[in-house]
Amino acid sequence: MRTAPLDASTLESCISAAVAAPSFFNTQPWRYRLDPGAGVFEVRAAPERSLRHADPVARALHLSVGASVFNLRVAVAHFGWSPVVRLLPRPEDSALLATLRLTESQSRHTTPHRTDLYPAIWRRHSSRFPFSARPLPQNARVEIAEAAHTEGASLTFPAPEETTRLLRVTAEAEQRNRLDADRGQESRRWVHKDPDDRADLGLPQTVLGPQDAREHLPMRDFTAQRHTEQLSAQDFESGPVIALLTTRHDRRTDWLRAGQALEHVLLVATAHGLRTSLLHQPMEWPDLRRELSPDPEHTGHAQILVRLGYGPEGPATPRRAPAAVLDREPPRR
């Protein structure tokens, strides 16, 4: 049982875990504040790192922050507390997306997730490279889907015919993104042109990955080049494993829950030795997003597509230091 307050080292570890979460274009749109007396973290949006064209309603921003909240939950539990999360706790404060209260944990065995997720936080990286044809074990599929369910979302592995349809919709979204000048400019702004760039936000060239030479798997071109023949290409897996993450409703709280579900899924997959990458392009076009779940009342609202498989570990993307995202003054009452 943990009763002592957070020391400086533990606090830094918890915030480091939180910022290790995936975020759209690695924008890292979050800030944190800790009230040490009350034992409460505030998790806030950083709207200056939102994407006006690709994410005009900040849905992806909420997913990113939700993923960060899940990592913070895992870290807090790892150090012996039981986290209690409230989403959108003060409606009048729209930037405050969640609070996390540290409560005494009676036993580490009561942790509502696998105990090996904390080390998985540091191993999880998006891999935008070809995967092998090795099939996913059924037990891994079941546990990954259950991880999403635990967080109030649903994760399904579509049949091959449905996977082909989802990839076709994704390819249409990718084509639209390349042809949209505003979105292309916005995307390129987050790509590091200089391989020696030490920026702690955005995407180095080394993490972008190639395109599918057979044009079956629409991997994102973050450089938004109109001439695809200029992009490096490799043969990707012919039978990709794609999972669709959905929520029953489509409110801000659902977006935050979807982000927590996404990170729970990614960490469980990492614990199973799987690599993952995300296909978000169709979520950025309302009509195409609806095509992913044509009957939301029965099939849920699509939040993201997850690609899973065995393959090379993706390079790590840079992260901001804990001191850069942690506000030291006490939370406002």
C-alpha atoms as a PDB file:
ATOM      1  CA  MET A   1       0.000   0.000   0.000  1.00  0.00           C
ATOM      2  CA  ARG A   2       1.311   3.452  -0.956  1.00  0.00           C
ATOM      3  CA  THR A   3       0.631   6.397   1.357  1.00  0.00           C
ATOM      4  CA  ALA A   4       3.672   8.700   0.967  1.00  0.00           C
ATOM      5  CA  PRO A   5       3.454  11.709  -1.388  1.00  0.00           C
ATOM      6  CA  LEU A   6       5.117  11.694  -4.785  1.00  0.00           C
ATOM      7  CA  ASP A   7       8.808  12.430  -4.566  1.00  0.00           C
ATOM      8  CA  ALA A   8      10.515  14.326  -7.386  1.00  0.00           C
ATOM      9  CA  SER A   9      11.866  11.191  -9.073  1.00  0.00           C
ATOM     10  CA  THR A  10       8.504   9.403  -9.063  1.00  0.00           C
ATOM     11  CA  LEU A  11       6.731  12.505 -10.340  1.00  0.00           C
ATOM     12  CA  GLU A  12       9.192  12.774 -13.231  1.00  0.00           C
ATOM     13  CA  SER A  13       8.694   9.092 -14.073  1.00  0.00           C
ATOM     14  CA  CYS A  14       4.911   9.476 -14.099  1.00  0.00           C
ATOM     15  CA  ILE A  15       5.007  12.512 -16.377  1.00  0.00           C
ATOM     16  CA  SER A  16       7.573  10.838 -18.642  1.00  0.00           C
ATOM     17  CA  ALA A  17       5.175   7.905 -19.001  1.00  0.00           C
ATOM     18  CA  ALA A  18       2.290  10.249 -19.768  1.00  0.00           C
ATOM     19  CA  VAL A  19       4.143  12.075 -22.556  1.00  0.00           C
ATOM     20  CA  ALA A  20       5.282   8.758 -24.087  1.00  0.00           C
ATOM     21  CA  ALA A  21       1.714   8.303 -25.379  1.00  0.00           C
ATOM     22  CA  PRO A  22       1.096   8.559 -29.126  1.00  0.00           C
ATOM     23  CA  SER A  23      -0.303  11.810 -30.482  1.00  0.00           C
ATOM     24  CA  PHE A  24      -1.482  12.982 -33.867  1.00  0.00           C
ATOM     25  CA  PHE A  25       1.639  14.042 -35.844  1.00  0.00           C
ATOM     26  CA  ASN A  26       3.486  13.844 -32.489  1.00  0.00           C
ATOM     27  CA  THR A  27       2.066  17.244 -31.546  1.00  0.00           C
ATOM     28  CA  GLN A  28       1.936  16.241 -27.840  1.00  0.00           C
ATOM     29  CA  PRO A  29      -1.086  18.505 -27.132  1.00  0.00           C
ATOM     30  CA  TRP A  30      -1.089  18.201 -23.351  1.00  0.00           C
ATOM     31  CA  ARG A  31      -0.038  19.871 -20.122  1.00  0.00           C
ATOM     32  CA  TYR A  32      -0.116  18.631 -16.528  1.00  0.00           C
ATOM     33  CA  ARG A  33      -0.459  20.182 -13.116  1.00  0.00           C
ATOM     34  CA  LEU A  34      -0.168  18.456  -9.740  1.00  0.00           C
ATOM     35  CA  ASP A  35      -1.739  19.547  -6.496  1.00  0.00           C
ATOM     36  CA  PRO A  36       0.579  17.685  -4.094  1.00  0.00           C
ATOM     37  CA  GLY A  37      -1.589  18.404  -1.069  1.00  0.00           C
ATOM     38  CA  ALA A  38      -4.725  16.934  -2.601  1.00  0.00           C
ATOM     39  CA  GLY A  39      -2.855  14.297  -4.616  1.00  0.00           C
ATOM     40  CA  VAL A  40      -4.589  15.301  -7.849  1.00  0.00           C
ATOM     41  CA  PHE A  41      -3.180  15.614 -11.356  1.00  0.00           C
ATOM     42  CA  GLU A  42      -4.858  17.911 -13.847  1.00  0.00           C
ATOM     43  CA  VAL A  43      -4.478  16.921 -17.494  1.00  0.00           C
ATOM     44  CA  ARG A  44      -5.106  19.849 -19.806  1.00  0.00           C
ATOM     45  CA  ALA A  45      -5.221  20.392 -23.561  1.00  0.00           C
ATOM     46  CA  ALA A  46      -2.550  22.477 -25.248  1.00  0.00           C
ATOM     47  CA  PRO A  47      -4.681  24.022 -28.011  1.00  0.00           C
ATOM     48  CA  GLU A  48      -1.708  25.803 -29.567  1.00  0.00           C
ATOM     49  CA  ARG A  49      -0.606  22.355 -30.784  1.00  0.00           C
ATOM     50  CA  SER A  50      -3.916  21.473 -32.413  1.00  0.00           C
ATOM     51  CA  LEU A  51      -4.262  20.889 -36.171  1.00  0.00           C
ATOM     52  CA  ARG A  52      -6.734  23.362 -37.632  1.00  0.00           C
ATOM     53  CA  HIS A  53      -7.210  21.635 -40.984  1.00  0.00           C
ATOM     54  CA  ALA A  54      -6.793  17.930 -40.193  1.00  0.00           C
ATOM     55  CA  ASP A  55      -8.522  18.065 -36.792  1.00  0.00           C
ATOM     56  CA  PRO A  56     -10.880  21.078 -36.769  1.00  0.00           C
ATOM     57  CA  VAL A  57     -13.105  19.816 -33.918  1.00  0.00           C
ATOM     58  CA  ALA A  58     -10.128  18.550 -31.850  1.00  0.00           C
ATOM     59  CA  ARG A  59     -11.346  14.956 -31.837  1.00  0.00           C
ATOM     60  CA  ALA A  60      -7.831  13.615 -32.459  1.00  0.00           C
ATOM     61  CA  LEU A  61      -6.490  15.965 -29.788  1.00  0.00           C
ATOM     62  CA  HIS A  62      -8.882  14.368 -27.286  1.00  0.00           C
ATOM     63  CA  LEU A  63      -7.758  10.886 -28.379  1.00  0.00           C
ATOM     64  CA  SER A  64      -4.141  11.896 -27.841  1.00  0.00           C
ATOM     65  CA  VAL A  65      -4.817  13.290 -24.379  1.00  0.00           C
ATOM     66  CA  GLY A  66      -6.880  10.203 -23.517  1.00  0.00           C
ATOM     67  CA  ALA A  67      -3.903   8.002 -24.446  1.00  0.00           C
ATOM     68  CA  SER A  68      -1.726  10.151 -22.187  1.00  0.00           C
ATOM     69  CA  VAL A  69      -4.227   9.744 -19.327  1.00  0.00           C
ATOM     70  CA  PHE A  70      -4.036   5.973 -19.689  1.00  0.00           C
ATOM     71  CA  ASN A  71      -0.243   6.010 -19.475  1.00  0.00           C
ATOM     72  CA  LEU A  72      -0.464   8.191 -16.380  1.00  0.00           C
ATOM     73  CA  ARG A  73      -2.885   5.668 -14.858  1.00  0.00           C
ATOM     74  CA  VAL A  74      -0.473   2.822 -15.580  1.00  0.00           C
ATOM     75  CA  ALA A  75       2.478   4.723 -14.092  1.00  0.00           C
ATOM     76  CA  VAL A  76       0.582   5.744 -10.961  1.00  0.00           C
ATOM     77  CA  ALA A  77      -0.496   2.132 -10.405  1.00  0.00           C
ATOM     78  CA  HIS A  78       3.072   0.940 -11.012  1.00  0.00           C
ATOM     79  CA  PHE A  79       4.258   3.131  -8.142  1.00  0.00           C
ATOM     80  CA  GLY A  80       1.621   1.814  -5.773  1.00  0.00           C
ATOM     81  CA  TRP A  81      -1.399   4.108  -5.991  1.00  0.00           C
ATOM     82  CA  SER A  82      -4.885   3.481  -7.287  1.00  0.00           C
ATOM     83  CA  PRO A  83      -5.830   6.218  -9.812  1.00  0.00           C
ATOM     84  CA  VAL A  84      -9.351   7.658  -9.912  1.00  0.00           C
ATOM     85  CA  VAL A  85     -10.037   9.509 -13.168  1.00  0.00           C
ATOM     86  CA  ARG A  86     -12.736  12.070 -13.917  1.00  0.00           C
ATOM     87  CA  LEU A  87     -13.249  13.210 -17.497  1.00  0.00           C
ATOM     88  CA  LEU A  88     -14.240  16.830 -18.219  1.00  0.00           C
ATOM     89  CA  PRO A  89     -14.628  17.520 -14.480  1.00  0.00           C
ATOM     90  CA  ARG A  90     -15.373  21.249 -14.864  1.00  0.00           C
ATOM     91  CA  PRO A  91     -17.530  22.031 -17.916  1.00  0.00           C
ATOM     92  CA  GLU A  92     -16.780  25.751 -17.583  1.00  0.00           C
ATOM     93  CA  ASP A  93     -13.058  24.993 -18.074  1.00  0.00           C
ATOM     94  CA  SER A  94     -12.973  23.463 -21.556  1.00  0.00           C
ATOM     95  CA  ALA A  95      -9.184  22.955 -21.553  1.00  0.00           C
ATOM     96  CA  LEU A  96      -9.297  20.748 -18.448  1.00  0.00           C
ATOM     97  CA  LEU A  97      -9.861  17.337 -19.990  1.00  0.00           C
ATOM     98  CA  ALA A  98      -9.277  15.069 -16.998  1.00  0.00           C
ATOM     99  CA  THR A  99      -8.240  14.859 -13.368  1.00  0.00           C
ATOM    100  CA  LEU A 100      -6.503  11.892 -11.781  1.00  0.00           C
ATOM    101  CA  ARG A 101      -6.643  11.466  -8.022  1.00  0.00           C
ATOM    102  CA  LEU A 102      -4.090   9.342  -6.199  1.00  0.00           C
ATOM    103  CA  THR A 103      -5.779   7.021  -3.730  1.00  0.00           C
ATOM    104  CA  GLU A 104      -4.312   4.321  -1.541  1.00  0.00           C
ATOM    105  CA  SER A 105      -3.958   0.977  -3.251  1.00  0.00           C
ATOM    106  CA  GLN A 106      -4.670  -2.035  -1.096  1.00  0.00           C
ATOM    107  CA  SER A 107      -2.726  -4.410  -3.301  1.00  0.00           C
ATOM    108  CA  ARG A 108      -0.845  -4.376  -6.574  1.00  0.00           C
ATOM    109  CA  HIS A 109      -2.939  -7.389  -7.551  1.00  0.00           C
ATOM    110  CA  THR A 110      -6.028  -5.163  -7.793  1.00  0.00           C
ATOM    111  CA  THR A 111      -4.566  -3.279 -10.791  1.00  0.00           C
ATOM    112  CA  PRO A 112      -7.266  -3.464 -13.511  1.00  0.00           C
ATOM    113  CA  HIS A 113      -4.746  -4.139 -16.272  1.00  0.00           C
ATOM    114  CA  ARG A 114      -1.693  -6.280 -16.948  1.00  0.00           C
ATOM    115  CA  THR A 115       1.177  -5.472 -14.609  1.00  0.00           C
ATOM    116  CA  ASP A 116       3.665  -5.524 -17.510  1.00  0.00           C
ATOM    117  CA  LEU A 117       2.124  -2.512 -19.249  1.00  0.00           C
ATOM    118  CA  TYR A 118       4.429  -0.043 -17.505  1.00  0.00           C
ATOM    119  CA  PRO A 119       7.610  -1.383 -19.185  1.00  0.00           C
ATOM    120  CA  ALA A 120       5.625  -1.658 -22.419  1.00  0.00           C
ATOM    121  CA  ILE A 121       5.154   2.136 -22.361  1.00  0.00           C
ATOM    122  CA  TRP A 122       8.838   2.596 -23.133  1.00  0.00           C
ATOM    123  CA  ARG A 123       8.913  -0.096 -25.849  1.00  0.00           C
ATOM    124  CA  ARG A 124       5.813   1.037 -27.731  1.00  0.00           C
ATOM    125  CA  HIS A 125       6.639   2.884 -30.946  1.00  0.00           C
ATOM    126  CA  SER A 126       4.633   3.174 -34.144  1.00  0.00           C
ATOM    127  CA  SER A 127       6.190   0.981 -36.837  1.00  0.00           C
ATOM    128  CA  ARG A 128       5.357   2.258 -40.326  1.00  0.00           C
ATOM    129  CA  PHE A 129       7.359  -0.501 -41.981  1.00  0.00           C
ATOM    130  CA  PRO A 130       6.322  -3.787 -43.631  1.00  0.00           C
ATOM    131  CA  PHE A 131       5.193  -6.592 -41.326  1.00  0.00           C
ATOM    132  CA  SER A 132       5.643 -10.314 -41.882  1.00  0.00           C
ATOM    133  CA  ALA A 133       2.907 -12.779 -42.840  1.00  0.00           C
ATOM    134  CA  ARG A 134       3.045 -14.424 -39.402  1.00  0.00           C
ATOM    135  CA  PRO A 135      -0.548 -14.632 -38.095  1.00  0.00           C
ATOM    136  CA  LEU A 136      -1.657 -13.057 -34.840  1.00  0.00           C
ATOM    137  CA  PRO A 137      -2.396 -15.643 -32.123  1.00  0.00           C
ATOM    138  CA  GLN A 138      -6.057 -15.886 -31.220  1.00  0.00           C
ATOM    139  CA  ASN A 139      -5.346 -15.275 -27.533  1.00  0.00           C
ATOM    140  CA  ALA A 140      -3.624 -11.995 -28.428  1.00  0.00           C
ATOM    141  CA  ARG A 141      -6.617 -10.882 -30.502  1.00  0.00           C
ATOM    142  CA  VAL A 142      -8.990 -11.685 -27.646  1.00  0.00           C
ATOM    143  CA  GLU A 143      -6.924  -9.863 -25.031  1.00  0.00           C
ATOM    144  CA  ILE A 144      -6.407  -6.828 -27.268  1.00  0.00           C
ATOM    145  CA  ALA A 145     -10.155  -6.563 -27.914  1.00  0.00           C
ATOM    146  CA  GLU A 146     -10.857  -6.955 -24.198  1.00  0.00           C
ATOM    147  CA  ALA A 147      -8.444  -4.093 -23.452  1.00  0.00           C
ATOM    148  CA  ALA A 148     -10.594  -1.753 -25.546  1.00  0.00           C
ATOM    149  CA  HIS A 149     -13.791  -3.056 -23.949  1.00  0.00           C
ATOM    150  CA  THR A 150     -12.385  -2.380 -20.475  1.00  0.00           C
ATOM    151  CA  GLU A 151     -12.095   1.313 -21.403  1.00  0.00           C
ATOM    152  CA  GLY A 152     -15.638   1.617 -22.754  1.00  0.00           C
ATOM    153  CA  ALA A 153     -14.840   1.146 -26.438  1.00  0.00           C
ATOM    154  CA  SER A 154     -15.043  -1.681 -28.936  1.00  0.00           C
ATOM    155  CA  LEU A 155     -12.266  -3.156 -31.089  1.00  0.00           C
ATOM    156  CA  THR A 156     -13.116  -5.532 -33.921  1.00  0.00           C
ATOM    157  CA  PHE A 157     -10.954  -7.442 -36.387  1.00  0.00           C
ATOM    158  CA  PRO A 158     -12.893  -7.298 -39.676  1.00  0.00           C
ATOM    159  CA  ALA A 159     -12.981 -10.185 -42.120  1.00  0.00           C
ATOM    160  CA  PRO A 160     -10.692  -9.909 -45.183  1.00  0.00           C
ATOM    161  CA  GLU A 161     -13.456  -8.535 -47.435  1.00  0.00           C
ATOM    162  CA  GLU A 162     -14.344  -5.824 -44.920  1.00  0.00           C
ATOM    163  CA  THR A 163     -10.659  -5.061 -44.357  1.00  0.00           C
ATOM    164  CA  THR A 164     -10.315  -4.460 -48.095  1.00  0.00           C
ATOM    165  CA  ARG A 165     -13.239  -2.029 -47.981  1.00  0.00           C
ATOM    166  CA  LEU A 166     -11.785  -0.151 -44.985  1.00  0.00           C
ATOM    167  CA  LEU A 167      -8.432   0.145 -46.751  1.00  0.00           C
ATOM    168  CA  ARG A 168     -10.168   1.431 -49.873  1.00  0.00           C
ATOM    169  CA  VAL A 169     -11.813   4.187 -47.831  1.00  0.00           C
ATOM    170  CA  THR A 170      -8.444   4.955 -46.225  1.00  0.00           C
ATOM    171  CA  ALA A 171      -6.803   5.197 -49.644  1.00  0.00           C
ATOM    172  CA  GLU A 172      -9.448   7.710 -50.728  1.00  0.00           C
ATOM    173  CA  ALA A 173      -8.720   9.806 -47.621  1.00  0.00           C
ATOM    174  CA  GLU A 174      -4.969   9.622 -48.243  1.00  0.00           C
ATOM    175  CA  GLN A 175      -5.475  10.816 -51.811  1.00  0.00           C
ATOM    176  CA  ARG A 176      -7.617  13.736 -50.627  1.00  0.00           C
ATOM    177  CA  ASN A 177      -4.995  14.715 -48.070  1.00  0.00           C
ATOM    178  CA  ARG A 178      -2.280  14.822 -50.725  1.00  0.00           C
ATOM    179  CA  LEU A 179      -4.388  17.048 -52.968  1.00  0.00           C
ATOM    180  CA  ASP A 180      -5.449  19.464 -50.235  1.00  0.00           C
ATOM    181  CA  ALA A 181      -2.909  22.292 -50.155  1.00  0.00           C
ATOM    182  CA  ASP A 182      -3.786  23.506 -46.658  1.00  0.00           C
ATOM    183  CA  ARG A 183      -3.591  20.036 -45.131  1.00  0.00           C
ATOM    184  CA  GLY A 184      -0.385  19.298 -46.969  1.00  0.00           C
ATOM    185  CA  GLN A 185       1.255  22.444 -45.667  1.00  0.00           C
ATOM    186  CA  GLU A 186       0.036  21.685 -42.151  1.00  0.00           C
ATOM    187  CA  SER A 187       1.377  18.130 -42.325  1.00  0.00           C
ATOM    188  CA  ARG A 188       4.788  19.159 -43.628  1.00  0.00           C
ATOM    189  CA  ARG A 189       5.145  21.687 -40.822  1.00  0.00           C
ATOM    190  CA  TRP A 190       5.451  18.773 -38.355  1.00  0.00           C
ATOM    191  CA  VAL A 191       8.103  16.870 -40.323  1.00  0.00           C
ATOM    192  CA  HIS A 192      11.760  17.542 -39.500  1.00  0.00           C
ATOM    193  CA  LYS A 193      13.577  18.294 -42.747  1.00  0.00           C
ATOM    194  CA  ASP A 194      17.028  18.138 -41.160  1.00  0.00           C
ATOM    195  CA  PRO A 195      18.009  14.656 -39.888  1.00  0.00           C
ATOM    196  CA  ASP A 196      20.098  16.369 -37.189  1.00  0.00           C
ATOM    197  CA  ASP A 197      17.149  18.441 -35.964  1.00  0.00           C
ATOM    198  CA  ARG A 198      16.850  18.028 -32.193  1.00  0.00           C
ATOM    199  CA  ALA A 199      13.275  19.332 -31.934  1.00  0.00           C
ATOM    200  CA  ASP A 200      11.230  17.615 -29.227  1.00  0.00           C
ATOM    201  CA  LEU A 201       7.977  17.732 -31.244  1.00  0.00           C
ATOM    202  CA  GLY A 202       6.966  16.455 -34.654  1.00  0.00           C
ATOM    203  CA  LEU A 203       8.286  13.644 -36.817  1.00  0.00           C
ATOM    204  CA  PRO A 204      11.897  12.995 -37.867  1.00  0.00           C
ATOM    205  CA  GLN A 205      12.340  11.648 -41.388  1.00  0.00           C
ATOM    206  CA  THR A 206      13.537   8.337 -39.928  1.00  0.00           C
ATOM    207  CA  VAL A 207      10.092   7.463 -38.498  1.00  0.00           C
ATOM    208  CA  LEU A 208       8.013   8.175 -41.614  1.00  0.00           C
ATOM    209  CA  GLY A 209       8.509   4.797 -43.269  1.00  0.00           C
ATOM    210  CA  PRO A 210       8.054   3.816 -46.922  1.00  0.00           C
ATOM    211  CA  GLN A 211       4.936   3.540 -49.053  1.00  0.00           C
ATOM    212  CA  ASP A 212       3.484   0.213 -50.186  1.00  0.00           C
ATOM    213  CA  ALA A 213       4.968  -0.498 -53.624  1.00  0.00           C
ATOM    214  CA  ARG A 214       1.822  -2.464 -54.560  1.00  0.00           C
ATOM    215  CA  GLU A 215      -0.438   0.355 -53.338  1.00  0.00           C
ATOM    216  CA  HIS A 216      -2.548  -2.077 -51.314  1.00  0.00           C
ATOM    217  CA  LEU A 217      -1.861  -0.610 -47.888  1.00  0.00           C
ATOM    218  CA  PRO A 218      -2.329   3.199 -47.824  1.00  0.00           C
ATOM    219  CA  MET A 219       0.413   4.264 -45.444  1.00  0.00           C
ATOM    220  CA  ARG A 220       0.362   7.959 -44.650  1.00  0.00           C
ATOM    221  CA  ASP A 221       2.652  10.263 -46.583  1.00  0.00           C
ATOM    222  CA  PHE A 222       3.383  12.919 -43.966  1.00  0.00           C
ATOM    223  CA  THR A 223       5.248  14.963 -46.580  1.00  0.00           C
ATOM    224  CA  ALA A 224       2.005  15.189 -48.611  1.00  0.00           C
ATOM    225  CA  GLN A 225       3.766  14.835 -51.940  1.00  0.00           C
ATOM    226  CA  ARG A 226       1.481  14.826 -54.952  1.00  0.00           C
ATOM    227  CA  HIS A 227       3.813  12.638 -56.992  1.00  0.00           C
ATOM    228  CA  THR A 228       3.907   9.272 -55.258  1.00  0.00           C
ATOM    229  CA  GLU A 229       6.667   7.995 -57.558  1.00  0.00           C
ATOM    230  CA  GLN A 230       9.024  10.307 -55.659  1.00  0.00           C
ATOM    231  CA  LEU A 231       8.430   8.409 -52.403  1.00  0.00           C
ATOM    232  CA  SER A 232      10.460   5.425 -51.232  1.00  0.00           C
ATOM    233  CA  ALA A 233       8.473   2.197 -51.510  1.00  0.00           C
ATOM    234  CA  GLN A 234       8.649  -1.415 -50.333  1.00  0.00           C
ATOM    235  CA  ASP A 235       6.370  -4.429 -50.554  1.00  0.00           C
ATOM    236  CA  PHE A 236       4.095  -4.545 -47.509  1.00  0.00           C
ATOM    237  CA  GLU A 237       2.170  -7.516 -46.157  1.00  0.00           C
ATOM    238  CA  SER A 238      -0.440  -8.776 -48.634  1.00  0.00           C
ATOM    239  CA  GLY A 239      -2.944  -9.653 -45.898  1.00  0.00           C
ATOM    240  CA  PRO A 240      -2.684  -6.820 -43.347  1.00  0.00           C
ATOM    241  CA  VAL A 241      -4.363  -7.211 -39.969  1.00  0.00           C
ATOM    242  CA  ILE A 242      -6.481  -4.129 -39.344  1.00  0.00           C
ATOM    243  CA  ALA A 243      -8.627  -3.481 -36.261  1.00  0.00           C
ATOM    244  CA  LEU A 244     -11.362  -0.856 -36.022  1.00  0.00           C
ATOM    245  CA  LEU A 245     -11.814   1.024 -32.735  1.00  0.00           C
ATOM    246  CA  THR A 246     -15.303   2.418 -32.186  1.00  0.00           C
ATOM    247  CA  THR A 247     -17.365   4.012 -29.429  1.00  0.00           C
ATOM    248  CA  ARG A 248     -21.114   3.852 -28.935  1.00  0.00           C
ATOM    249  CA  HIS A 249     -21.470   7.646 -28.845  1.00  0.00           C
ATOM    250  CA  ASP A 250     -19.372  10.468 -30.277  1.00  0.00           C
ATOM    251  CA  ARG A 251     -19.028  13.056 -27.531  1.00  0.00           C
ATOM    252  CA  ARG A 252     -15.888  14.590 -26.043  1.00  0.00           C
ATOM    253  CA  THR A 253     -15.953  12.042 -23.230  1.00  0.00           C
ATOM    254  CA  ASP A 254     -16.166   9.263 -25.809  1.00  0.00           C
ATOM    255  CA  TRP A 255     -13.115  10.656 -27.596  1.00  0.00           C
ATOM    256  CA  LEU A 256     -11.181  10.652 -24.317  1.00  0.00           C
ATOM    257  CA  ARG A 257     -12.312   7.089 -23.574  1.00  0.00           C
ATOM    258  CA  ALA A 258     -11.319   6.075 -27.093  1.00  0.00           C
ATOM    259  CA  GLY A 259      -7.834   7.482 -26.477  1.00  0.00           C
ATOM    260  CA  GLN A 260      -7.500   5.472 -23.282  1.00  0.00           C
ATOM    261  CA  ALA A 261      -8.775   2.376 -25.092  1.00  0.00           C
ATOM    262  CA  LEU A 262      -6.332   2.950 -27.943  1.00  0.00           C
ATOM    263  CA  GLU A 263      -3.329   3.162 -25.646  1.00  0.00           C
ATOM    264  CA  HIS A 264      -4.500   0.129 -23.636  1.00  0.00           C
ATOM    265  CA  VAL A 265      -4.730  -1.775 -26.939  1.00  0.00           C
ATOM    266  CA  LEU A 266      -1.288  -0.623 -28.090  1.00  0.00           C
ATOM    267  CA  LEU A 267       0.393  -1.517 -24.809  1.00  0.00           C
ATOM    268  CA  VAL A 268      -1.198  -4.983 -24.657  1.00  0.00           C
ATOM    269  CA  ALA A 269      -0.117  -5.553 -28.257  1.00  0.00           C
ATOM    270  CA  THR A 270       3.410  -4.446 -27.330  1.00  0.00           C
ATOM    271  CA  ALA A 271       3.412  -6.836 -24.359  1.00  0.00           C
ATOM    272  CA  HIS A 272       2.563  -9.618 -26.837  1.00  0.00           C
ATOM    273  CA  GLY A 273       5.557  -8.682 -29.005  1.00  0.00           C
ATOM    274  CA  LEU A 274       3.439  -7.090 -31.735  1.00  0.00           C
ATOM    275  CA  ARG A 275       4.165  -3.918 -33.688  1.00  0.00           C
ATOM    276  CA  THR A 276       1.489  -1.376 -34.451  1.00  0.00           C
ATOM    277  CA  SER A 277       0.783   1.667 -36.569  1.00  0.00           C
ATOM    278  CA  LEU A 278      -2.280   3.855 -36.960  1.00  0.00           C
ATOM    279  CA  LEU A 279      -4.410   4.680 -39.995  1.00  0.00           C
ATOM    280  CA  HIS A 280      -6.186   7.910 -39.149  1.00  0.00           C
ATOM    281  CA  GLN A 281      -6.709   9.437 -42.605  1.00  0.00           C
ATOM    282  CA  PRO A 282     -10.435   8.597 -43.058  1.00  0.00           C
ATOM    283  CA  MET A 283     -11.243  10.022 -39.619  1.00  0.00           C
ATOM    284  CA  GLU A 284     -10.256  13.448 -40.976  1.00  0.00           C
ATOM    285  CA  TRP A 285     -13.067  13.517 -43.573  1.00  0.00           C
ATOM    286  CA  PRO A 286     -16.593  13.346 -42.068  1.00  0.00           C
ATOM    287  CA  ASP A 287     -18.136  11.505 -45.031  1.00  0.00           C
ATOM    288  CA  LEU A 288     -15.366   8.899 -45.134  1.00  0.00           C
ATOM    289  CA  ARG A 289     -15.450   8.447 -41.380  1.00  0.00           C
ATOM    290  CA  ARG A 290     -19.155   7.657 -41.668  1.00  0.00           C
ATOM    291  CA  GLU A 291     -18.358   5.084 -44.349  1.00  0.00           C
ATOM    292  CA  LEU A 292     -16.215   3.162 -41.864  1.00  0.00           C
ATOM    293  CA  SER A 293     -19.278   2.684 -39.644  1.00  0.00           C
ATOM    294  CA  PRO A 294     -22.236   3.173 -41.982  1.00  0.00           C
ATOM    295  CA  ASP A 295     -24.764   2.498 -39.201  1.00  0.00           C
ATOM    296  CA  PRO A 296     -23.361   4.125 -36.031  1.00  0.00           C
ATOM    297  CA  GLU A 297     -26.485   3.267 -34.002  1.00  0.00           C
ATOM    298  CA  HIS A 298     -25.589  -0.403 -34.370  1.00  0.00           C
ATOM    299  CA  THR A 299     -21.896  -0.485 -35.251  1.00  0.00           C
ATOM    300  CA  GLY A 300     -20.564   2.487 -33.291  1.00  0.00           C
ATOM    301  CA  HIS A 301     -18.675   5.615 -34.261  1.00  0.00           C
ATOM    302  CA  ALA A 302     -15.301   4.954 -35.867  1.00  0.00           C
ATOM    303  CA  GLN A 303     -12.403   6.503 -33.950  1.00  0.00           C
ATOM    304  CA  ILE A 304      -9.268   4.987 -35.520  1.00  0.00           C
ATOM    305  CA  LEU A 305      -7.872   2.034 -37.458  1.00  0.00           C
ATOM    306  CA  VAL A 306      -5.001   0.056 -35.919  1.00  0.00           C
ATOM    307  CA  ARG A 307      -2.603  -2.040 -37.997  1.00  0.00           C
ATOM    308  CA  LEU A 308      -0.948  -4.908 -36.116  1.00  0.00           C
ATOM    309  CA  GLY A 309       1.650  -7.517 -36.931  1.00  0.00           C
ATOM    310  CA  TYR A 310       5.164  -8.801 -36.466  1.00  0.00           C
ATOM    311  CA  GLY A 311       7.963  -6.728 -37.900  1.00  0.00           C
ATOM    312  CA  PRO A 312      10.718  -4.219 -37.191  1.00  0.00           C
ATOM    313  CA  GLU A 313      10.518  -1.979 -34.167  1.00  0.00           C
ATOM    314  CA  GLY A 314       9.697   1.539 -35.217  1.00  0.00           C
ATOM    315  CA  PRO A 315      12.150   4.317 -34.332  1.00  0.00           C
ATOM    316  CA  ALA A 316      11.234   6.414 -31.311  1.00  0.00           C
ATOM    317  CA  THR A 317       9.821   9.882 -31.902  1.00  0.00           C
ATOM    318  CA  PRO A 318      11.063  12.745 -29.718  1.00  0.00           C
ATOM    319  CA  ARG A 319       9.246  13.708 -26.538  1.00  0.00           C
ATOM    320  CA  ARG A 320       9.124  16.877 -24.505  1.00  0.00           C
ATOM    321  CA  ALA A 321      10.869  16.779 -21.133  1.00  0.00           C
ATOM    322  CA  PRO A 322       8.622  16.507 -18.051  1.00  0.00           C
ATOM    323  CA  ALA A 323       9.696  19.990 -16.908  1.00  0.00           C
ATOM    324  CA  ALA A 324       8.401  21.452 -20.181  1.00  0.00           C
ATOM    325  CA  VAL A 325       4.851  20.131 -19.741  1.00  0.00           C
ATOM    326  CA  LEU A 326       4.419  20.264 -15.951  1.00  0.00           C
ATOM    327  CA  ASP A 327       3.026  23.438 -14.407  1.00  0.00           C
ATOM    328  CA  ARG A 328       4.365  23.930 -10.921  1.00  0.00           C
ATOM    329  CA  GLU A 329       1.737  26.268  -9.488  1.00  0.00           C
ATOM    330  CA  PRO A 330      -1.194  24.637  -7.609  1.00  0.00           C
ATOM    331  CA  PRO A 331      -4.380  23.943  -9.583  1.00  0.00           C
ATOM    332  CA  ARG A 332      -7.069  26.633  -9.587  1.00  0.00           C
ATOM    333  CA  ARG A 333     -10.039  25.936  -7.382  1.00  0.00           C
END
